[in-house]
Protein backbone atom coordinates (compact mmCIF):
# COMPACT_ATOMS: atom_id res chain seq x y z
CA UNK A 1 -66.84 8.45 54.38
CA UNK A 2 -66.84 8.65 50.62
CA UNK A 3 -64.68 7.63 47.66
CA UNK A 4 -63.22 10.37 45.47
CA UNK A 5 -63.12 9.64 41.72
CA UNK A 6 -60.61 11.66 39.70
CA UNK A 7 -61.25 11.48 35.96
CA UNK A 8 -58.38 11.95 33.50
CA UNK A 9 -59.98 10.83 30.23
CA UNK A 10 -59.11 7.63 28.39
CA UNK A 11 -61.40 5.12 26.71
CA UNK A 12 -63.58 4.83 29.82
CA UNK A 13 -64.69 8.45 29.21
CA UNK A 14 -64.78 8.24 25.40
CA UNK A 15 -67.63 8.40 22.96
CA UNK A 16 -67.39 8.28 19.17
CA UNK A 17 -67.45 11.62 17.38
CA UNK A 18 -69.24 12.17 14.06
CA UNK A 19 -66.05 11.06 12.28
CA UNK A 20 -65.88 7.85 14.34
CA UNK A 21 -62.85 8.99 16.37
CA UNK A 22 -63.01 8.30 20.10
CA UNK A 23 -62.96 11.45 22.20
CA UNK A 24 -63.00 11.69 26.02
CA UNK A 25 -66.33 13.45 26.57
CA UNK A 26 -67.75 12.06 29.82
CA UNK A 27 -67.17 13.87 33.11
CA UNK A 28 -66.37 12.25 36.44
CA UNK A 29 -70.00 12.77 37.49
CA UNK A 30 -71.27 11.01 34.36
CA UNK A 31 -68.87 8.09 34.87
CA UNK A 32 -69.93 7.72 38.50
CA UNK A 33 -73.61 7.79 37.50
CA UNK A 34 -72.99 4.84 35.13
CA UNK A 35 -71.19 2.77 37.77
CA UNK A 36 -74.29 2.10 39.93
CA UNK A 37 -72.30 1.75 43.13
CA UNK A 38 -73.75 1.64 46.63
CA UNK A 39 -70.94 3.78 48.07
CA UNK A 40 -71.04 7.54 48.45
CA UNK A 41 -68.87 8.87 45.65
CA UNK A 42 -67.74 12.33 44.64
CA UNK A 43 -66.00 13.12 41.39
CA UNK A 44 -63.63 15.68 39.99
CA UNK A 45 -62.29 16.17 36.48
CA UNK A 46 -58.51 16.50 36.39
CA UNK A 47 -57.96 16.06 32.66
CA UNK A 48 -59.56 14.77 29.46
CA UNK A 49 -56.80 13.23 27.41
CA UNK A 50 -55.81 10.04 25.65
CA UNK A 51 -53.26 8.51 27.98
CA UNK A 52 -50.85 7.85 25.11
CA UNK A 53 -50.30 11.62 25.04
CA UNK A 54 -49.87 12.01 28.83
CA UNK A 55 -46.79 13.94 29.91
CA UNK A 56 -44.78 14.10 33.10
CA UNK A 57 -46.50 17.43 33.78
CA UNK A 58 -49.84 15.55 33.64
CA UNK A 59 -48.47 13.05 36.17
CA UNK A 60 -47.35 15.93 38.42
CA UNK A 61 -50.88 17.40 38.31
CA UNK A 62 -52.46 14.01 38.99
CA UNK A 63 -50.17 13.34 41.97
CA UNK A 64 -51.22 16.72 43.37
CA UNK A 65 -54.93 15.99 42.77
CA UNK A 66 -54.60 12.68 44.65
CA UNK A 67 -52.66 14.32 47.49
CA UNK A 68 -55.22 17.13 47.75
CA UNK A 69 -58.13 14.67 47.78
CA UNK A 70 -56.54 12.78 50.65
CA UNK A 71 -56.27 15.94 52.75
CA UNK A 72 -60.00 15.41 53.37
CA UNK A 73 -60.33 12.99 56.30
CA UNK A 74 -63.77 11.91 55.05
CA UNK A 75 -62.24 10.34 51.90
CA UNK A 76 -62.00 6.55 52.30
CA UNK A 77 -59.89 6.16 49.16
CA UNK A 78 -59.31 7.56 45.70
CA UNK A 79 -60.12 6.13 42.27
CA UNK A 80 -58.43 7.48 39.15
CA UNK A 81 -60.05 6.77 35.78
CA UNK A 82 -57.33 6.63 33.15
CA UNK A 83 -56.53 5.46 29.65
CA UNK A 84 -54.91 2.04 29.41
CA UNK A 85 -51.92 3.05 27.24
CA UNK A 86 -50.01 4.46 30.22
CA UNK A 87 -52.15 3.29 33.14
CA UNK A 88 -49.49 0.93 34.58
CA UNK A 89 -46.81 3.64 34.38
CA UNK A 90 -49.06 6.21 36.04
CA UNK A 91 -49.93 3.71 38.80
CA UNK A 92 -46.24 3.15 39.51
CA UNK A 93 -45.55 6.90 39.39
CA UNK A 94 -48.25 7.46 42.00
CA UNK A 95 -47.16 4.52 44.16
CA UNK A 96 -43.55 5.71 44.34
CA UNK A 97 -44.63 8.79 46.33
CA UNK A 98 -47.89 7.61 47.96
CA UNK A 99 -47.51 7.93 51.74
CA UNK A 100 -51.14 7.89 52.86
CA UNK A 101 -52.50 4.59 54.24
CA UNK A 102 -55.71 4.97 52.21
CA UNK A 103 -55.84 3.20 48.84
CA UNK A 104 -55.56 4.73 45.39
CA UNK A 105 -57.08 2.56 42.66
CA UNK A 106 -56.64 3.19 38.92
CA UNK A 107 -59.07 1.82 36.37
CA UNK A 108 -60.12 2.29 32.77
CA UNK A 109 -61.81 0.49 29.92
CA UNK A 110 -61.07 -1.34 26.71
CA UNK A 111 -64.37 -0.32 25.11
CA UNK A 112 -65.74 3.23 24.96
CA UNK A 113 -68.70 4.43 27.01
CA UNK A 114 -71.06 4.41 24.03
CA UNK A 115 -70.19 0.81 23.03
CA UNK A 116 -73.08 -1.66 23.07
CA UNK A 117 -71.39 -3.44 26.00
CA UNK A 118 -69.00 -1.01 27.72
CA UNK A 119 -66.66 -2.48 30.34
CA UNK A 120 -65.96 0.85 32.06
CA UNK A 121 -68.95 0.90 34.44
CA UNK A 122 -68.09 -2.52 35.91
CA UNK A 123 -64.39 -1.63 36.16
CA UNK A 124 -65.24 1.65 37.92
CA UNK A 125 -67.69 -0.07 40.28
CA UNK A 126 -64.99 -2.61 41.24
CA UNK A 127 -62.40 0.15 41.70
CA UNK A 128 -64.77 2.06 43.99
CA UNK A 129 -65.33 -1.13 46.02
CA UNK A 130 -61.55 -1.58 46.34
CA UNK A 131 -61.01 2.08 47.32
CA UNK A 132 -63.73 1.91 49.97
CA UNK A 133 -61.75 -0.65 51.98
CA UNK A 134 -58.96 1.01 53.98
CA UNK A 135 -57.01 -2.21 54.54
CA UNK A 136 -55.87 -2.10 50.87
CA UNK A 137 -52.84 0.19 51.27
CA UNK A 138 -50.89 1.59 48.35
CA UNK A 139 -51.74 2.10 44.71
CA UNK A 140 -53.48 -0.62 42.70
CA UNK A 141 -55.07 -1.21 39.32
CA UNK A 142 -58.58 -2.67 39.15
CA UNK A 143 -59.48 -4.16 35.80
CA UNK A 144 -61.81 -6.95 34.69
CA UNK A 145 -62.58 -8.05 38.25
CA UNK A 146 -58.94 -8.19 39.42
CA UNK A 147 -57.22 -5.72 41.76
CA UNK A 148 -53.45 -5.78 41.29
CA UNK A 149 -50.71 -3.83 43.09
CA UNK A 150 -49.04 -1.09 41.05
CA UNK A 151 -45.56 -2.53 41.54
CA UNK A 152 -44.93 -5.27 39.01
CA UNK A 153 -48.13 -4.83 37.01
CA UNK A 154 -48.00 -4.40 33.24
CA UNK A 155 -50.34 -4.18 30.31
CA UNK A 156 -50.23 -7.57 28.60
CA UNK A 157 -52.93 -7.17 25.95
CA UNK A 158 -54.14 -4.29 23.81
CA UNK A 159 -57.68 -5.52 23.22
CA UNK A 160 -58.47 -8.17 25.87
CA UNK A 161 -60.66 -7.25 28.82
CA UNK A 162 -58.08 -8.66 31.24
CA UNK A 163 -55.38 -6.38 29.84
CA UNK A 164 -53.25 -6.19 33.02
CA UNK A 165 -51.27 -8.82 34.89
CA UNK A 166 -48.39 -9.08 37.32
CA UNK A 167 -44.99 -9.64 35.71
CA UNK A 168 -44.13 -12.23 38.37
CA UNK A 169 -46.33 -14.72 40.25
CA UNK A 170 -45.97 -12.75 43.48
CA UNK A 171 -46.41 -9.01 44.00
CA UNK A 172 -43.19 -7.03 44.36
CA UNK A 173 -42.44 -5.61 47.82
CA UNK A 174 -43.53 -2.03 48.38
CA UNK A 175 -40.59 -0.07 49.83
CA UNK A 176 -41.00 3.25 51.60
CA UNK A 177 -42.24 6.04 49.34
CA UNK A 178 -39.79 8.65 48.11
CA UNK A 179 -40.38 12.39 48.51
CA UNK A 180 -42.45 13.80 45.66
CA UNK A 181 -40.55 16.07 43.32
CA UNK A 182 -41.72 17.69 40.08
CA UNK A 183 -41.10 15.47 37.06
CA UNK A 184 -41.91 18.01 34.32
CA UNK A 185 -38.86 19.67 32.87
CA UNK A 186 -36.40 17.00 34.09
CA UNK A 187 -35.59 15.82 30.58
CA UNK A 188 -37.09 12.39 31.24
CA UNK A 189 -39.86 11.35 28.88
CA UNK A 190 -42.28 13.94 27.60
CA UNK A 191 -42.29 17.13 29.71
């Protein structure tokens, strides 16, 4: 069994360019190499974007990448590396249609990969740990040592390491998933 890491960009994959701007440059393989996990991990690059510019078409492609990864019976769970600007919304979008009993864990970073003390490697290592345990059903966010269910989680800070929290003291119930349908072109949000 192995964990599949799907990289989509975000600060976790960013390094500073010559102009100082952060650009998602690291691949899934490079992120996994930095995480120093004991689990067998495979990686795939789905996108390299800043999550503030993610569209519904990007969510459609990510849902398909997760679904395709879980067609492999040797996958224990899936980790998605993602930017924090829309990480909670993407987690909910995935959880609404996630039917597989294996976990999907989203994670990211507040500091870029080339920072003197990046938080991405520890977040990814924790997400891989969470994805490797099949009893954790549904979609979750792992950030700063905490693993939170997608339903009811929100970004509560733009610079703090513990940027995500549940909106209520108890997790929201997870109803049955709905059938997946394309979101791009529906007129909701950015296509």
